């Protein structure tokens, strides 16, 4: 399974403005959480449970280089991509 959904799209569509760690509107934070983290979890729950039951399968969750860098513009996106990377590490232990 390859999971590559997500993006830096706010609640109203388009990039959130402002788009930094403190000033981004909470509605945009929630939209980013839903698109980048919750979406990844839903796809994994849907496809990985049957893989586990079969005893085989592969998962590739794509994140972003932003997951490993501190950024000012797009901070929430970067934080969520770091969460996707760590979720994948935890999923591998399940």
C-alpha atoms as a PDB file:
ATOM      1  CA  UNK A   1       0.000   0.000   0.000  1.00  0.00           C
ATOM      2  CA  UNK A   2       1.342   3.444  -0.901  1.00  0.00           C
ATOM      3  CA  UNK A   3      -0.178   6.324   1.032  1.00  0.00           C
ATOM      4  CA  UNK A   4       0.759   9.730  -0.346  1.00  0.00           C
ATOM      5  CA  UNK A   5      -2.211  11.963   0.491  1.00  0.00           C
ATOM      6  CA  UNK A   6      -2.006  15.302   2.208  1.00  0.00           C
ATOM      7  CA  UNK A   7      -0.960  18.844   1.506  1.00  0.00           C
ATOM      8  CA  UNK A   8      -0.840  22.327   2.914  1.00  0.00           C
ATOM      9  CA  UNK A   9      -4.493  23.153   2.175  1.00  0.00           C
ATOM     10  CA  UNK A  10      -6.493  25.097   4.725  1.00  0.00           C
ATOM     11  CA  UNK A  11     -10.166  24.930   5.629  1.00  0.00           C
ATOM     12  CA  UNK A  12     -11.271  27.326   2.874  1.00  0.00           C
ATOM     13  CA  UNK A  13      -8.979  25.774   0.251  1.00  0.00           C
ATOM     14  CA  UNK A  14      -5.590  27.128  -0.677  1.00  0.00           C
ATOM     15  CA  UNK A  15      -2.657  27.764   1.601  1.00  0.00           C
ATOM     16  CA  UNK A  16      -3.529  29.026   5.076  1.00  0.00           C
ATOM     17  CA  UNK A  17      -2.746  32.686   5.753  1.00  0.00           C
ATOM     18  CA  UNK A  18      -1.030  33.266   8.075  1.00  0.00           C
ATOM     19  CA  UNK A  19       0.737  29.922   7.945  1.00  0.00           C
ATOM     20  CA  UNK A  20       3.120  29.892  10.895  1.00  0.00           C
ATOM     21  CA  UNK A  21       3.113  27.969  14.172  1.00  0.00           C
ATOM     22  CA  UNK A  22       1.347  30.629  16.266  1.00  0.00           C
ATOM     23  CA  UNK A  23      -0.896  32.651  13.985  1.00  0.00           C
ATOM     24  CA  UNK A  24      -2.495  29.998  11.767  1.00  0.00           C
ATOM     25  CA  UNK A  25      -6.274  29.890  12.324  1.00  0.00           C
ATOM     26  CA  UNK A  26      -7.383  26.820  14.284  1.00  0.00           C
ATOM     27  CA  UNK A  27      -9.808  25.883  11.488  1.00  0.00           C
ATOM     28  CA  UNK A  28      -6.811  25.562   9.168  1.00  0.00           C
ATOM     29  CA  UNK A  29      -4.931  23.495  11.759  1.00  0.00           C
ATOM     30  CA  UNK A  30      -7.882  21.091  11.961  1.00  0.00           C
ATOM     31  CA  UNK A  31      -8.111  20.823   8.159  1.00  0.00           C
ATOM     32  CA  UNK A  32      -4.390  20.036   7.975  1.00  0.00           C
ATOM     33  CA  UNK A  33      -4.671  17.445  10.768  1.00  0.00           C
ATOM     34  CA  UNK A  34      -7.568  15.753   8.975  1.00  0.00           C
ATOM     35  CA  UNK A  35      -5.857  15.729   5.570  1.00  0.00           C
ATOM     36  CA  UNK A  36      -2.355  14.775   6.632  1.00  0.00           C
ATOM     37  CA  UNK A  37      -2.559  12.674   9.800  1.00  0.00           C
ATOM     38  CA  UNK A  38      -6.115  11.392  10.222  1.00  0.00           C
ATOM     39  CA  UNK A  39      -6.302  10.512   6.519  1.00  0.00           C
ATOM     40  CA  UNK A  40      -3.100   8.478   6.816  1.00  0.00           C
ATOM     41  CA  UNK A  41      -4.421   6.645   9.857  1.00  0.00           C
ATOM     42  CA  UNK A  42      -7.752   5.842   8.179  1.00  0.00           C
ATOM     43  CA  UNK A  43      -6.057   4.408   5.090  1.00  0.00           C
ATOM     44  CA  UNK A  44      -3.687   2.329   7.220  1.00  0.00           C
ATOM     45  CA  UNK A  45      -6.507   0.989   9.389  1.00  0.00           C
ATOM     46  CA  UNK A  46      -8.413   0.033   6.249  1.00  0.00           C
ATOM     47  CA  UNK A  47      -5.582  -1.773   4.457  1.00  0.00           C
ATOM     48  CA  UNK A  48      -3.066  -2.847   7.105  1.00  0.00           C
ATOM     49  CA  UNK A  49      -5.464  -4.857   9.265  1.00  0.00           C
ATOM     50  CA  UNK A  50      -6.106  -7.311   6.390  1.00  0.00           C
ATOM     51  CA  UNK A  51      -2.349  -7.404   5.665  1.00  0.00           C
ATOM     52  CA  UNK A  52      -1.690  -8.314   9.278  1.00  0.00           C
ATOM     53  CA  UNK A  53      -4.352 -11.031   9.147  1.00  0.00           C
ATOM     54  CA  UNK A  54      -2.727 -12.479   5.987  1.00  0.00           C
ATOM     55  CA  UNK A  55       0.710 -12.219   7.557  1.00  0.00           C
ATOM     56  CA  UNK A  56       2.174 -10.190   4.699  1.00  0.00           C
ATOM     57  CA  UNK A  57       2.076  -6.848   2.953  1.00  0.00           C
ATOM     58  CA  UNK A  58       4.039  -3.648   2.669  1.00  0.00           C
ATOM     59  CA  UNK A  59       3.262  -0.094   3.673  1.00  0.00           C
ATOM     60  CA  UNK A  60       4.849   3.043   2.269  1.00  0.00           C
ATOM     61  CA  UNK A  61       3.653   6.247   3.915  1.00  0.00           C
ATOM     62  CA  UNK A  62       5.109   9.267   2.161  1.00  0.00           C
ATOM     63  CA  UNK A  63       5.747  12.288   4.337  1.00  0.00           C
ATOM     64  CA  UNK A  64       7.987  15.213   3.394  1.00  0.00           C
ATOM     65  CA  UNK A  65      11.481  16.539   3.949  1.00  0.00           C
ATOM     66  CA  UNK A  66       9.656  19.221   5.943  1.00  0.00           C
ATOM     67  CA  UNK A  67       9.138  16.553   8.625  1.00  0.00           C
ATOM     68  CA  UNK A  68      12.819  16.815   9.507  1.00  0.00           C
ATOM     69  CA  UNK A  69      13.317  20.588   9.349  1.00  0.00           C
ATOM     70  CA  UNK A  70      12.179  23.514  11.435  1.00  0.00           C
ATOM     71  CA  UNK A  71      10.212  25.870   9.227  1.00  0.00           C
ATOM     72  CA  UNK A  72       8.349  29.112   9.737  1.00  0.00           C
ATOM     73  CA  UNK A  73       5.992  29.040   6.735  1.00  0.00           C
ATOM     74  CA  UNK A  74       4.003  25.797   6.782  1.00  0.00           C
ATOM     75  CA  UNK A  75       4.919  24.824  10.340  1.00  0.00           C
ATOM     76  CA  UNK A  76       1.764  22.816  11.033  1.00  0.00           C
ATOM     77  CA  UNK A  77       2.184  20.896   7.771  1.00  0.00           C
ATOM     78  CA  UNK A  78       5.779  20.064   8.767  1.00  0.00           C
ATOM     79  CA  UNK A  79       4.698  18.994  12.256  1.00  0.00           C
ATOM     80  CA  UNK A  80       2.052  16.689  10.807  1.00  0.00           C
ATOM     81  CA  UNK A  81       4.477  15.138   8.343  1.00  0.00           C
ATOM     82  CA  UNK A  82       6.785  14.403  11.285  1.00  0.00           C
ATOM     83  CA  UNK A  83       3.773  12.788  12.959  1.00  0.00           C
ATOM     84  CA  UNK A  84       3.166  10.652   9.850  1.00  0.00           C
ATOM     85  CA  UNK A  85       6.806   9.516   9.912  1.00  0.00           C
ATOM     86  CA  UNK A  86       6.563   8.567  13.580  1.00  0.00           C
ATOM     87  CA  UNK A  87       3.150   6.937  13.122  1.00  0.00           C
ATOM     88  CA  UNK A  88       4.769   4.761  10.449  1.00  0.00           C
ATOM     89  CA  UNK A  89       7.522   3.707  12.869  1.00  0.00           C
ATOM     90  CA  UNK A  90       4.884   2.842  15.480  1.00  0.00           C
ATOM     91  CA  UNK A  91       2.757   1.018  12.894  1.00  0.00           C
ATOM     92  CA  UNK A  92       5.739  -1.152  12.009  1.00  0.00           C
ATOM     93  CA  UNK A  93       5.804  -2.357  15.630  1.00  0.00           C
ATOM     94  CA  UNK A  94       2.099  -3.307  15.648  1.00  0.00           C
END
